[in-house]
Amino acid sequence: DGEIGRELLDTLEDSGLKGLAYAERGFRNLTNSKKPIETAAD
Protein backbone atom coordinates (compact mmCIF):
# COMPACT_ATOMS: atom_id res chain seq x y z
CA ASP A 1 0.00 0.00 0.00
CA GLY A 2 3.05 2.25 -0.05
CA GLU A 3 5.47 3.68 -2.57
CA ILE A 4 7.02 0.35 -3.61
CA GLY A 5 3.66 -1.28 -4.25
CA ARG A 6 2.45 1.57 -6.45
CA GLU A 7 5.77 1.69 -8.28
CA LEU A 8 5.49 -2.01 -9.15
CA LEU A 9 1.91 -1.65 -10.37
CA ASP A 10 2.96 1.23 -12.63
CA THR A 11 5.50 -1.03 -14.37
CA LEU A 12 2.55 -2.95 -15.87
CA GLU A 13 1.58 0.03 -18.03
CA ASP A 14 4.36 -0.74 -20.49
CA SER A 15 2.48 -3.98 -21.22
CA GLY A 16 -0.91 -2.31 -21.69
CA LEU A 17 -2.18 -3.15 -18.20
CA LYS A 18 -3.31 -0.90 -15.35
CA GLY A 19 -2.86 -2.26 -11.84
CA LEU A 20 -5.47 -0.65 -9.60
CA ALA A 21 -4.89 -2.22 -6.17
CA TYR A 22 -3.64 -5.28 -4.32
CA ALA A 23 -6.37 -7.50 -2.98
CA GLU A 24 -5.29 -10.68 -1.25
CA ARG A 25 -4.78 -14.29 -2.16
CA GLY A 26 -2.86 -14.75 1.07
CA PHE A 27 0.03 -16.78 2.40
CA ARG A 28 0.47 -19.92 0.38
CA ASN A 29 0.74 -23.33 1.98
CA LEU A 30 1.46 -26.86 0.78
CA THR A 31 -1.00 -29.72 0.46
CA ASN A 32 -0.37 -33.26 -0.75
CA SER A 33 -1.90 -36.71 -0.88
CA LYS A 34 1.18 -38.71 0.15
CA LYS A 35 2.66 -37.85 3.54
CA PRO A 36 3.11 -35.15 6.21
CA ILE A 37 5.65 -32.49 5.18
CA GLU A 38 7.53 -31.10 8.18
CA THR A 39 10.89 -30.15 6.63
CA ALA A 40 12.07 -29.06 3.20
CA ALA A 41 13.74 -32.44 2.74
CA ASP A 42 10.34 -34.16 2.96
PDB file of all heavy atoms in Angstrom:
ATOM      1  N   ASP A   1       0.815  -1.216   0.000  1.00  0.00           N
ATOM      2  CA  ASP A   1       0.000   0.000   0.000  1.00  0.00           C
ATOM      3  C   ASP A   1       0.852   1.270   0.000  1.00  0.00           C
ATOM      4  O   ASP A   1       0.316   2.373   0.036  1.00  0.00           O
ATOM      5  CB  ASP A   1      -0.927   0.014   1.221  1.00  0.00           C
ATOM      6  CG  ASP A   1      -1.974  -1.083   1.161  1.00  0.00           C
ATOM      7  OD1 ASP A   1      -2.231  -1.611   0.061  1.00  0.00           O
ATOM      8  OD2 ASP A   1      -2.540  -1.431   2.226  1.00  0.00           O
ATOM      9  N   GLY A   2       2.145   1.099  -0.067  1.00  0.00           N
ATOM     10  CA  GLY A   2       3.046   2.249  -0.054  1.00  0.00           C
ATOM     11  C   GLY A   2       3.693   2.518  -1.398  1.00  0.00           C
ATOM     12  O   GLY A   2       3.217   2.076  -2.457  1.00  0.00           O
ATOM     13  N   GLU A   3       4.780   3.226  -1.359  1.00  0.00           N
ATOM     14  CA  GLU A   3       5.474   3.677  -2.570  1.00  0.00           C
ATOM     15  C   GLU A   3       5.940   2.514  -3.444  1.00  0.00           C
ATOM     16  O   GLU A   3       5.794   2.546  -4.674  1.00  0.00           O
ATOM     17  CB  GLU A   3       6.675   4.529  -2.160  1.00  0.00           C
ATOM     18  CG  GLU A   3       7.503   5.046  -3.322  1.00  0.00           C
ATOM     19  CD  GLU A   3       8.721   5.831  -2.874  1.00  0.00           C
ATOM     20  OE1 GLU A   3       8.724   6.304  -1.719  1.00  0.00           O
ATOM     21  OE2 GLU A   3       9.668   5.958  -3.668  1.00  0.00           O
ATOM     22  N   ILE A   4       6.490   1.477  -2.825  1.00  0.00           N
ATOM     23  CA  ILE A   4       7.016   0.350  -3.608  1.00  0.00           C
ATOM     24  C   ILE A   4       5.886  -0.373  -4.337  1.00  0.00           C
ATOM     25  O   ILE A   4       6.005  -0.717  -5.522  1.00  0.00           O
ATOM     26  CB  ILE A   4       7.783  -0.632  -2.697  1.00  0.00           C
ATOM     27  CG1 ILE A   4       9.025   0.046  -2.113  1.00  0.00           C
ATOM     28  CG2 ILE A   4       8.190  -1.880  -3.483  1.00  0.00           C
ATOM     29  CD1 ILE A   4       9.760  -0.790  -1.083  1.00  0.00           C
ATOM     30  N   GLY A   5       4.787  -0.593  -3.629  1.00  0.00           N
ATOM     31  CA  GLY A   5       3.663  -1.283  -4.253  1.00  0.00           C
ATOM     32  C   GLY A   5       3.126  -0.542  -5.466  1.00  0.00           C
ATOM     33  O   GLY A   5       2.880  -1.137  -6.518  1.00  0.00           O
ATOM     34  N   ARG A   6       2.953   0.780  -5.333  1.00  0.00           N
ATOM     35  CA  ARG A   6       2.447   1.572  -6.450  1.00  0.00           C
ATOM     36  C   ARG A   6       3.445   1.588  -7.607  1.00  0.00           C
ATOM     37  O   ARG A   6       3.067   1.505  -8.791  1.00  0.00           O
ATOM     38  CB  ARG A   6       2.176   2.996  -5.980  1.00  0.00           C
ATOM     39  CG  ARG A   6       1.536   3.919  -7.008  1.00  0.00           C
ATOM     40  CD  ARG A   6       0.091   3.534  -7.228  1.00  0.00           C
ATOM     41  NE  ARG A   6      -0.110   2.863  -8.503  1.00  0.00           N
ATOM     42  CZ  ARG A   6      -1.246   2.267  -8.830  1.00  0.00           C
ATOM     43  NH1 ARG A   6      -2.264   2.235  -7.997  1.00  0.00           N
ATOM     44  NH2 ARG A   6      -1.365   1.659  -9.991  1.00  0.00           N
ATOM     45  N   GLU A   7       4.716   1.687  -7.273  1.00  0.00           N
ATOM     46  CA  GLU A   7       5.770   1.687  -8.280  1.00  0.00           C
ATOM     47  C   GLU A   7       5.741   0.404  -9.112  1.00  0.00           C
ATOM     48  O   GLU A   7       5.875   0.434 -10.343  1.00  0.00           O
ATOM     49  CB  GLU A   7       7.118   1.847  -7.586  1.00  0.00           C
ATOM     50  CG  GLU A   7       8.317   1.964  -8.501  1.00  0.00           C
ATOM     51  CD  GLU A   7       9.598   2.142  -7.708  1.00  0.00           C
ATOM     52  OE1 GLU A   7       9.601   2.919  -6.731  1.00  0.00           O
ATOM     53  OE2 GLU A   7      10.605   1.492  -8.061  1.00  0.00           O
ATOM     54  N   LEU A   8       5.549  -0.722  -8.444  1.00  0.00           N
ATOM     55  CA  LEU A   8       5.491  -2.005  -9.149  1.00  0.00           C
ATOM     56  C   LEU A   8       4.253  -2.089 -10.040  1.00  0.00           C
ATOM     57  O   LEU A   8       4.335  -2.554 -11.183  1.00  0.00           O
ATOM     58  CB  LEU A   8       5.508  -3.153  -8.143  1.00  0.00           C
ATOM     59  CG  LEU A   8       6.847  -3.383  -7.422  1.00  0.00           C
ATOM     60  CD1 LEU A   8       6.675  -4.368  -6.268  1.00  0.00           C
ATOM     61  CD2 LEU A   8       7.903  -3.892  -8.409  1.00  0.00           C
ATOM     62  N   LEU A   9       3.118  -1.630  -9.545  1.00  0.00           N
ATOM     63  CA  LEU A   9       1.905  -1.648 -10.371  1.00  0.00           C
ATOM     64  C   LEU A   9       2.089  -0.796 -11.626  1.00  0.00           C
ATOM     65  O   LEU A   9       1.616  -1.159 -12.712  1.00  0.00           O
ATOM     66  CB  LEU A   9       0.702  -1.142  -9.571  1.00  0.00           C
ATOM     67  CG  LEU A   9       0.159  -2.047  -8.464  1.00  0.00           C
ATOM     68  CD1 LEU A   9      -1.041  -1.385  -7.786  1.00  0.00           C
ATOM     69  CD2 LEU A   9      -0.234  -3.419  -9.016  1.00  0.00           C
ATOM     70  N   ASP A  10       2.772   0.322 -11.481  1.00  0.00           N
ATOM     71  CA  ASP A  10       2.965   1.226 -12.629  1.00  0.00           C
ATOM     72  C   ASP A  10       3.836   0.597 -13.721  1.00  0.00           C
ATOM     73  O   ASP A  10       3.752   0.995 -14.887  1.00  0.00           O
ATOM     74  CB  ASP A  10       3.579   2.543 -12.160  1.00  0.00           C
ATOM     75  CG  ASP A  10       2.591   3.402 -11.375  1.00  0.00           C
ATOM     76  OD1 ASP A  10       1.378   3.109 -11.424  1.00  0.00           O
ATOM     77  OD2 ASP A  10       3.034   4.348 -10.691  1.00  0.00           O
ATOM     78  N   THR A  11       4.670  -0.385 -13.351  1.00  0.00           N
ATOM     79  CA  THR A  11       5.501  -1.033 -14.370  1.00  0.00           C
ATOM     80  C   THR A  11       4.656  -1.853 -15.357  1.00  0.00           C
ATOM     81  O   THR A  11       5.130  -2.178 -16.444  1.00  0.00           O
ATOM     82  CB  THR A  11       6.554  -1.968 -13.733  1.00  0.00           C
ATOM     83  OG1 THR A  11       5.897  -3.070 -13.069  1.00  0.00           O
ATOM     84  CG2 THR A  11       7.425  -1.221 -12.742  1.00  0.00           C
ATOM     85  N   LEU A  12       3.422  -2.161 -14.986  1.00  0.00           N
ATOM     86  CA  LEU A  12       2.552  -2.947 -15.866  1.00  0.00           C
ATOM     87  C   LEU A  12       2.060  -2.138 -17.062  1.00  0.00           C
ATOM     88  O   LEU A  12       1.626  -2.707 -18.071  1.00  0.00           O
ATOM     89  CB  LEU A  12       1.341  -3.469 -15.079  1.00  0.00           C
ATOM     90  CG  LEU A  12       1.641  -4.469 -13.966  1.00  0.00           C
ATOM     91  CD1 LEU A  12       0.390  -4.716 -13.128  1.00  0.00           C
ATOM     92  CD2 LEU A  12       2.159  -5.780 -14.554  1.00  0.00           C
ATOM     93  N   GLU A  13       2.127  -0.816 -16.968  1.00  0.00           N
ATOM     94  CA  GLU A  13       1.581   0.030 -18.025  1.00  0.00           C
ATOM     95  C   GLU A  13       2.328  -0.145 -19.344  1.00  0.00           C
ATOM     96  O   GLU A  13       1.752   0.031 -20.419  1.00  0.00           O
ATOM     97  CB  GLU A  13       1.575   1.489 -17.573  1.00  0.00           C
ATOM     98  CG  GLU A  13       0.617   1.725 -16.406  1.00  0.00           C
ATOM     99  CD  GLU A  13       0.537   3.191 -16.002  1.00  0.00           C
ATOM    100  OE1 GLU A  13       0.849   4.064 -16.841  1.00  0.00           O
ATOM    101  OE2 GLU A  13       0.165   3.460 -14.844  1.00  0.00           O
ATOM    102  N   ASP A  14       3.598  -0.506 -19.264  1.00  0.00           N
ATOM    103  CA  ASP A  14       4.362  -0.744 -20.489  1.00  0.00           C
ATOM    104  C   ASP A  14       3.830  -1.949 -21.261  1.00  0.00           C
ATOM    105  O   ASP A  14       4.120  -2.103 -22.454  1.00  0.00           O
ATOM    106  CB  ASP A  14       5.842  -0.974 -20.161  1.00  0.00           C
ATOM    107  CG  ASP A  14       6.535   0.292 -19.682  1.00  0.00           C
ATOM    108  OD1 ASP A  14       6.038   1.387 -19.987  1.00  0.00           O
ATOM    109  OD2 ASP A  14       7.570   0.187 -18.990  1.00  0.00           O
ATOM    110  N   SER A  15       3.065  -2.797 -20.576  1.00  0.00           N
ATOM    111  CA  SER A  15       2.476  -3.979 -21.224  1.00  0.00           C
ATOM    112  C   SER A  15       0.986  -3.808 -21.493  1.00  0.00           C
ATOM    113  O   SER A  15       0.276  -4.776 -21.777  1.00  0.00           O
ATOM    114  CB  SER A  15       2.688  -5.221 -20.340  1.00  0.00           C
ATOM    115  OG  SER A  15       4.061  -5.525 -20.241  1.00  0.00           O
ATOM    116  N   GLY A  16       0.502  -2.575 -21.379  1.00  0.00           N
ATOM    117  CA  GLY A  16      -0.906  -2.310 -21.686  1.00  0.00           C
ATOM    118  C   GLY A  16      -1.860  -2.699 -20.579  1.00  0.00           C
ATOM    119  O   GLY A  16      -3.059  -2.899 -20.815  1.00  0.00           O
ATOM    120  N   LEU A  17      -1.347  -2.787 -19.342  1.00  0.00           N
ATOM    121  CA  LEU A  17      -2.177  -3.151 -18.197  1.00  0.00           C
ATOM    122  C   LEU A  17      -2.151  -2.032 -17.164  1.00  0.00           C
ATOM    123  O   LEU A  17      -1.151  -1.330 -17.018  1.00  0.00           O
ATOM    124  CB  LEU A  17      -1.674  -4.444 -17.557  1.00  0.00           C
ATOM    125  CG  LEU A  17      -1.624  -5.676 -18.467  1.00  0.00           C
ATOM    126  CD1 LEU A  17      -0.861  -6.802 -17.784  1.00  0.00           C
ATOM    127  CD2 LEU A  17      -3.036  -6.137 -18.829  1.00  0.00           C
ATOM    128  N   LYS A  18      -3.246  -1.888 -16.423  1.00  0.00           N
ATOM    129  CA  LYS A  18      -3.311  -0.899 -15.346  1.00  0.00           C
ATOM    130  C   LYS A  18      -3.618  -1.618 -14.047  1.00  0.00           C
ATOM    131  O   LYS A  18      -4.716  -2.142 -13.849  1.00  0.00           O
ATOM    132  CB  LYS A  18      -4.400   0.145 -15.634  1.00  0.00           C
ATOM    133  CG  LYS A  18      -4.531   1.211 -14.550  1.00  0.00           C
ATOM    134  CD  LYS A  18      -3.301   2.101 -14.488  1.00  0.00           C
ATOM    135  CE  LYS A  18      -3.441   3.166 -13.408  1.00  0.00           C
ATOM    136  NZ  LYS A  18      -2.236   4.045 -13.344  1.00  0.00           N
ATOM    137  N   GLY A  19      -2.636  -1.662 -13.152  1.00  0.00           N
ATOM    138  CA  GLY A  19      -2.860  -2.255 -11.836  1.00  0.00           C
ATOM    139  C   GLY A  19      -3.548  -1.248 -10.935  1.00  0.00           C
ATOM    140  O   GLY A  19      -3.027  -0.153 -10.723  1.00  0.00           O
ATOM    141  N   LEU A  20      -4.719  -1.595 -10.421  1.00  0.00           N
ATOM    142  CA  LEU A  20      -5.475  -0.654  -9.597  1.00  0.00           C
ATOM    143  C   LEU A  20      -5.158  -0.792  -8.110  1.00  0.00           C
ATOM    144  O   LEU A  20      -4.964   0.206  -7.422  1.00  0.00           O
ATOM    145  CB  LEU A  20      -6.977  -0.850  -9.823  1.00  0.00           C
ATOM    146  CG  LEU A  20      -7.492  -0.664 -11.256  1.00  0.00           C
ATOM    147  CD1 LEU A  20      -9.003  -0.845 -11.296  1.00  0.00           C
ATOM    148  CD2 LEU A  20      -7.099   0.701 -11.818  1.00  0.00           C
ATOM    149  N   ALA A  21      -5.128  -2.014  -7.607  1.00  0.00           N
ATOM    150  CA  ALA A  21      -4.886  -2.219  -6.172  1.00  0.00           C
ATOM    151  C   ALA A  21      -4.573  -3.682  -5.906  1.00  0.00           C
ATOM    152  O   ALA A  21      -4.886  -4.562  -6.718  1.00  0.00           O
ATOM    153  CB  ALA A  21      -6.106  -1.783  -5.361  1.00  0.00           C
ATOM    154  N   TYR A  22      -3.981  -3.925  -4.738  1.00  0.00           N
ATOM    155  CA  TYR A  22      -3.640  -5.282  -4.322  1.00  0.00           C
ATOM    156  C   TYR A  22      -4.707  -5.837  -3.375  1.00  0.00           C
ATOM    157  O   TYR A  22      -4.757  -5.461  -2.200  1.00  0.00           O
ATOM    158  CB  TYR A  22      -2.308  -5.303  -3.576  1.00  0.00           C
ATOM    159  CG  TYR A  22      -1.095  -4.882  -4.372  1.00  0.00           C
ATOM    160  CD1 TYR A  22      -0.632  -3.568  -4.327  1.00  0.00           C
ATOM    161  CD2 TYR A  22      -0.386  -5.801  -5.141  1.00  0.00           C
ATOM    162  CE1 TYR A  22       0.509  -3.174  -5.022  1.00  0.00           C
ATOM    163  CE2 TYR A  22       0.753  -5.423  -5.844  1.00  0.00           C
ATOM    164  CZ  TYR A  22       1.188  -4.102  -5.790  1.00  0.00           C
ATOM    165  OH  TYR A  22       2.313  -3.731  -6.475  1.00  0.00           O
ATOM    166  N   ALA A  23      -5.540  -6.701  -3.881  1.00  0.00           N
ATOM    167  CA  ALA A  23      -6.371  -7.501  -2.984  1.00  0.00           C
ATOM    168  C   ALA A  23      -5.493  -8.654  -2.510  1.00  0.00           C
ATOM    169  O   ALA A  23      -4.269  -8.646  -2.716  1.00  0.00           O
ATOM    170  CB  ALA A  23      -7.623  -7.998  -3.701  1.00  0.00           C
ATOM    171  N   GLU A  24      -6.107  -9.661  -1.895  1.00  0.00           N
ATOM    172  CA  GLU A  24      -5.292 -10.677  -1.246  1.00  0.00           C
ATOM    173  C   GLU A  24      -5.658 -12.089  -1.678  1.00  0.00           C
ATOM    174  O   GLU A  24      -6.826 -12.463  -1.683  1.00  0.00           O
ATOM    175  CB  GLU A  24      -5.475 -10.558   0.268  1.00  0.00           C
ATOM    176  CG  GLU A  24      -4.643 -11.512   1.089  1.00  0.00           C
ATOM    177  CD  GLU A  24      -4.667 -11.127   2.552  1.00  0.00           C
ATOM    178  OE1 GLU A  24      -3.790 -10.331   2.958  1.00  0.00           O
ATOM    179  OE2 GLU A  24      -5.580 -11.584   3.274  1.00  0.00           O
ATOM    180  N   ARG A  25      -4.628 -12.852  -2.065  1.00  0.00           N
ATOM    181  CA  ARG A  25      -4.782 -14.293  -2.164  1.00  0.00           C
ATOM    182  C   ARG A  25      -4.333 -14.911  -0.840  1.00  0.00           C
ATOM    183  O   ARG A  25      -4.953 -15.816  -0.326  1.00  0.00           O
ATOM    184  CB  ARG A  25      -3.971 -14.835  -3.355  1.00  0.00           C
ATOM    185  CG  ARG A  25      -3.985 -16.326  -3.535  1.00  0.00           C
ATOM    186  CD  ARG A  25      -5.318 -16.950  -3.302  1.00  0.00           C
ATOM    187  NE  ARG A  25      -6.173 -17.039  -4.465  1.00  0.00           N
ATOM    188  CZ  ARG A  25      -7.489 -17.042  -4.377  1.00  0.00           C
ATOM    189  NH1 ARG A  25      -8.079 -16.906  -3.214  1.00  0.00           N
ATOM    190  NH2 ARG A  25      -8.233 -17.146  -5.434  1.00  0.00           N
ATOM    191  N   GLY A  26      -3.274 -14.349  -0.268  1.00  0.00           N
ATOM    192  CA  GLY A  26      -2.859 -14.748   1.065  1.00  0.00           C
ATOM    193  C   GLY A  26      -1.576 -15.552   1.080  1.00  0.00           C
ATOM    194  O   GLY A  26      -0.944 -15.791   0.052  1.00  0.00           O
ATOM    195  N   PHE A  27      -1.174 -15.963   2.272  1.00  0.00           N
ATOM    196  CA  PHE A  27       0.030 -16.779   2.403  1.00  0.00           C
ATOM    197  C   PHE A  27      -0.251 -18.180   1.874  1.00  0.00           C
ATOM    198  O   PHE A  27      -1.243 -18.816   2.240  1.00  0.00           O
ATOM    199  CB  PHE A  27       0.487 -16.833   3.863  1.00  0.00           C
ATOM    200  CG  PHE A  27       1.301 -15.641   4.268  1.00  0.00           C
ATOM    201  CD1 PHE A  27       0.721 -14.590   4.954  1.00  0.00           C
ATOM    202  CD2 PHE A  27       2.652 -15.563   3.939  1.00  0.00           C
ATOM    203  CE1 PHE A  27       1.485 -13.480   5.325  1.00  0.00           C
ATOM    204  CE2 PHE A  27       3.420 -14.460   4.293  1.00  0.00           C
ATOM    205  CZ  PHE A  27       2.834 -13.421   4.988  1.00  0.00           C
ATOM    206  N   ARG A  28       0.658 -18.645   1.054  1.00  0.00           N
ATOM    207  CA  ARG A  28       0.473 -19.921   0.375  1.00  0.00           C
ATOM    208  C   ARG A  28       1.073 -21.058   1.204  1.00  0.00           C
ATOM    209  O   ARG A  28       2.127 -20.920   1.813  1.00  0.00           O
ATOM    210  CB  ARG A  28       1.105 -19.870  -1.020  1.00  0.00           C
ATOM    211  CG  ARG A  28       0.555 -18.728  -1.869  1.00  0.00           C
ATOM    212  CD  ARG A  28       1.193 -18.687  -3.240  1.00  0.00           C
ATOM    213  NE  ARG A  28       0.641 -19.712  -4.112  1.00  0.00           N
ATOM    214  CZ  ARG A  28      -0.444 -19.561  -4.875  1.00  0.00           C
ATOM    215  NH1 ARG A  28      -1.113 -18.419  -4.841  1.00  0.00           N
ATOM    216  NH2 ARG A  28      -0.862 -20.525  -5.663  1.00  0.00           N
ATOM    217  N   ASN A  29       0.339 -22.166   1.204  1.00  0.00           N
ATOM    218  CA  ASN A  29       0.738 -23.333   1.980  1.00  0.00           C
ATOM    219  C   ASN A  29       0.669 -24.588   1.119  1.00  0.00           C
ATOM    220  O   ASN A  29      -0.033 -24.620   0.104  1.00  0.00           O
ATOM    221  CB  ASN A  29      -0.183 -23.491   3.195  1.00  0.00           C
ATOM    222  CG  ASN A  29      -0.190 -22.265   4.083  1.00  0.00           C
ATOM    223  OD1 ASN A  29       0.772 -21.973   4.763  1.00  0.00           O
ATOM    224  ND2 ASN A  29      -1.297 -21.531   4.053  1.00  0.00           N
ATOM    225  N   LEU A  30       1.372 -25.612   1.544  1.00  0.00           N
ATOM    226  CA  LEU A  30       1.459 -26.856   0.777  1.00  0.00           C
ATOM    227  C   LEU A  30       0.380 -27.857   1.170  1.00  0.00           C
ATOM    228  O   LEU A  30       0.042 -27.991   2.350  1.00  0.00           O
ATOM    229  CB  LEU A  30       2.823 -27.509   1.010  1.00  0.00           C
ATOM    230  CG  LEU A  30       4.024 -26.820   0.366  1.00  0.00           C
ATOM    231  CD1 LEU A  30       5.303 -27.220   1.090  1.00  0.00           C
ATOM    232  CD2 LEU A  30       4.091 -27.176  -1.110  1.00  0.00           C
ATOM    233  N   THR A  31      -0.158 -28.559   0.185  1.00  0.00           N
ATOM    234  CA  THR A  31      -1.001 -29.724   0.457  1.00  0.00           C
ATOM    235  C   THR A  31      -0.480 -30.877  -0.399  1.00  0.00           C
ATOM    236  O   THR A  31       0.127 -30.660  -1.454  1.00  0.00           O
ATOM    237  CB  THR A  31      -2.489 -29.493   0.113  1.00  0.00           C
ATOM    238  OG1 THR A  31      -2.660 -29.446  -1.308  1.00  0.00           O
ATOM    239  CG2 THR A  31      -3.010 -28.212   0.736  1.00  0.00           C
ATOM    240  N   ASN A  32      -0.729 -32.106   0.074  1.00  0.00           N
ATOM    241  CA  ASN A  32      -0.367 -33.258  -0.755  1.00  0.00           C
ATOM    242  C   ASN A  32      -1.169 -34.479  -0.319  1.00  0.00           C
ATOM    243  O   ASN A  32      -1.804 -34.481   0.738  1.00  0.00           O
ATOM    244  CB  ASN A  32       1.139 -33.525  -0.681  1.00  0.00           C
ATOM    245  CG  ASN A  32       1.552 -34.293   0.550  1.00  0.00           C
ATOM    246  OD1 ASN A  32       1.649 -35.526   0.531  1.00  0.00           O
ATOM    247  ND2 ASN A  32       1.785 -33.580   1.651  1.00  0.00           N
ATOM    248  N   SER A  33      -1.124 -35.489  -1.138  1.00  0.00           N
ATOM    249  CA  SER A  33      -1.896 -36.709  -0.883  1.00  0.00           C
ATOM    250  C   SER A  33      -1.041 -37.861  -0.366  1.00  0.00           C
ATOM    251  O   SER A  33      -1.559 -38.957  -0.152  1.00  0.00           O
ATOM    252  CB  SER A  33      -2.595 -37.145  -2.178  1.00  0.00           C
ATOM    253  OG  SER A  33      -1.628 -37.416  -3.186  1.00  0.00           O
ATOM    254  N   LYS A  34       0.248 -37.617  -0.139  1.00  0.00           N
ATOM    255  CA  LYS A  34       1.178 -38.714   0.146  1.00  0.00           C
ATOM    256  C   LYS A  34       1.595 -38.845   1.605  1.00  0.00           C
ATOM    257  O   LYS A  34       1.532 -39.919   2.194  1.00  0.00           O
ATOM    258  CB  LYS A  34       2.433 -38.563  -0.722  1.00  0.00           C
ATOM    259  CG  LYS A  34       2.176 -38.586  -2.230  1.00  0.00           C
ATOM    260  CD  LYS A  34       1.606 -39.918  -2.680  1.00  0.00           C
ATOM    261  CE  LYS A  34       1.452 -39.968  -4.202  1.00  0.00           C
ATOM    262  NZ  LYS A  34       0.837 -41.229  -4.646  1.00  0.00           N
ATOM    263  N   LYS A  35       2.068 -37.733   2.197  1.00  0.00           N
ATOM    264  CA  LYS A  35       2.661 -37.845   3.537  1.00  0.00           C
ATOM    265  C   LYS A  35       2.734 -36.470   4.198  1.00  0.00           C
ATOM    266  O   LYS A  35       2.660 -35.434   3.514  1.00  0.00           O
ATOM    267  CB  LYS A  35       4.061 -38.434   3.444  1.00  0.00           C
ATOM    268  CG  LYS A  35       5.027 -37.584   2.631  1.00  0.00           C
ATOM    269  CD  LYS A  35       6.422 -38.206   2.547  1.00  0.00           C
ATOM    270  CE  LYS A  35       7.380 -37.330   1.743  1.00  0.00           C
ATOM    271  NZ  LYS A  35       8.737 -37.908   1.660  1.00  0.00           N
ATOM    272  N   PRO A  36       2.924 -36.438   5.527  1.00  0.00           N
ATOM    273  CA  PRO A  36       3.113 -35.151   6.206  1.00  0.00           C
ATOM    274  C   PRO A  36       4.443 -34.525   5.783  1.00  0.00           C
ATOM    275  O   PRO A  36       5.447 -35.230   5.644  1.00  0.00           O
ATOM    276  CB  PRO A  36       3.151 -35.529   7.697  1.00  0.00           C
ATOM    277  CG  PRO A  36       2.563 -36.896   7.782  1.00  0.00           C
ATOM    278  CD  PRO A  36       2.888 -37.565   6.474  1.00  0.00           C
ATOM    279  N   ILE A  37       4.435 -33.219   5.558  1.00  0.00           N
ATOM    280  CA  ILE A  37       5.654 -32.491   5.183  1.00  0.00           C
ATOM    281  C   ILE A  37       6.013 -31.574   6.357  1.00  0.00           C
ATOM    282  O   ILE A  37       5.309 -30.606   6.641  1.00  0.00           O
ATOM    283  CB  ILE A  37       5.447 -31.654   3.900  1.00  0.00           C
ATOM    284  CG1 ILE A  37       5.010 -32.536   2.744  1.00  0.00           C
ATOM    285  CG2 ILE A  37       6.715 -30.867   3.571  1.00  0.00           C
ATOM    286  CD1 ILE A  37       6.017 -33.583   2.325  1.00  0.00           C
ATOM    287  N   GLU A  38       7.117 -31.890   7.033  1.00  0.00           N
ATOM    288  CA  GLU A  38       7.535 -31.096   8.184  1.00  0.00           C
ATOM    289  C   GLU A  38       8.841 -30.349   7.935  1.00  0.00           C
ATOM    290  O   GLU A  38       9.114 -29.342   8.594  1.00  0.00           O
ATOM    291  CB  GLU A  38       7.671 -31.993   9.409  1.00  0.00           C
ATOM    292  CG  GLU A  38       6.335 -32.641   9.787  1.00  0.00           C
ATOM    293  CD  GLU A  38       6.373 -33.284  11.153  1.00  0.00           C
ATOM    294  OE1 GLU A  38       7.318 -33.003  11.925  1.00  0.00           O
ATOM    295  OE2 GLU A  38       5.461 -34.066  11.451  1.00  0.00           O
ATOM    296  N   THR A  39       9.638 -30.826   6.989  1.00  0.00           N
ATOM    297  CA  THR A  39      10.887 -30.147   6.631  1.00  0.00           C
ATOM    298  C   THR A  39      10.980 -30.047   5.114  1.00  0.00           C
ATOM    299  O   THR A  39      10.265 -30.755   4.385  1.00  0.00           O
ATOM    300  CB  THR A  39      12.114 -30.914   7.148  1.00  0.00           C
ATOM    301  OG1 THR A  39      12.247 -32.140   6.399  1.00  0.00           O
ATOM    302  CG2 THR A  39      11.981 -31.232   8.633  1.00  0.00           C
ATOM    303  N   ALA A  40      11.884 -29.208   4.650  1.00  0.00           N
ATOM    304  CA  ALA A  40      12.069 -29.062   3.201  1.00  0.00           C
ATOM    305  C   ALA A  40      12.490 -30.377   2.565  1.00  0.00           C
ATOM    306  O   ALA A  40      12.085 -30.704   1.441  1.00  0.00           O
ATOM    307  CB  ALA A  40      13.097 -27.978   2.925  1.00  0.00           C
ATOM    308  N   ALA A  41      13.253 -31.156   3.281  1.00  0.00           N
ATOM    309  CA  ALA A  41      13.737 -32.435   2.738  1.00  0.00           C
ATOM    310  C   ALA A  41      12.598 -33.407   2.451  1.00  0.00           C
ATOM    311  O   ALA A  41      12.710 -34.261   1.555  1.00  0.00           O
ATOM    312  CB  ALA A  41      14.728 -33.060   3.719  1.00  0.00           C
ATOM    313  N   ASP A  42      11.485 -33.264   3.167  1.00  0.00           N
ATOM    314  CA  ASP A  42      10.338 -34.158   2.963  1.00  0.00           C
ATOM    315  C   ASP A  42       9.708 -33.967   1.586  1.00  0.00           C
ATOM    316  O   ASP A  42       8.950 -34.826   1.117  1.00  0.00           O
ATOM    317  CB  ASP A  42       9.272 -33.919   4.035  1.00  0.00           C
ATOM    318  CG  ASP A  42       9.748 -34.302   5.427  1.00  0.00           C
ATOM    319  OD1 ASP A  42      10.624 -35.188   5.521  1.00  0.00           O
ATOM    320  OD2 ASP A  42       9.251 -33.707   6.403  1.00  0.00           O
TER     321      ASP A  42
END
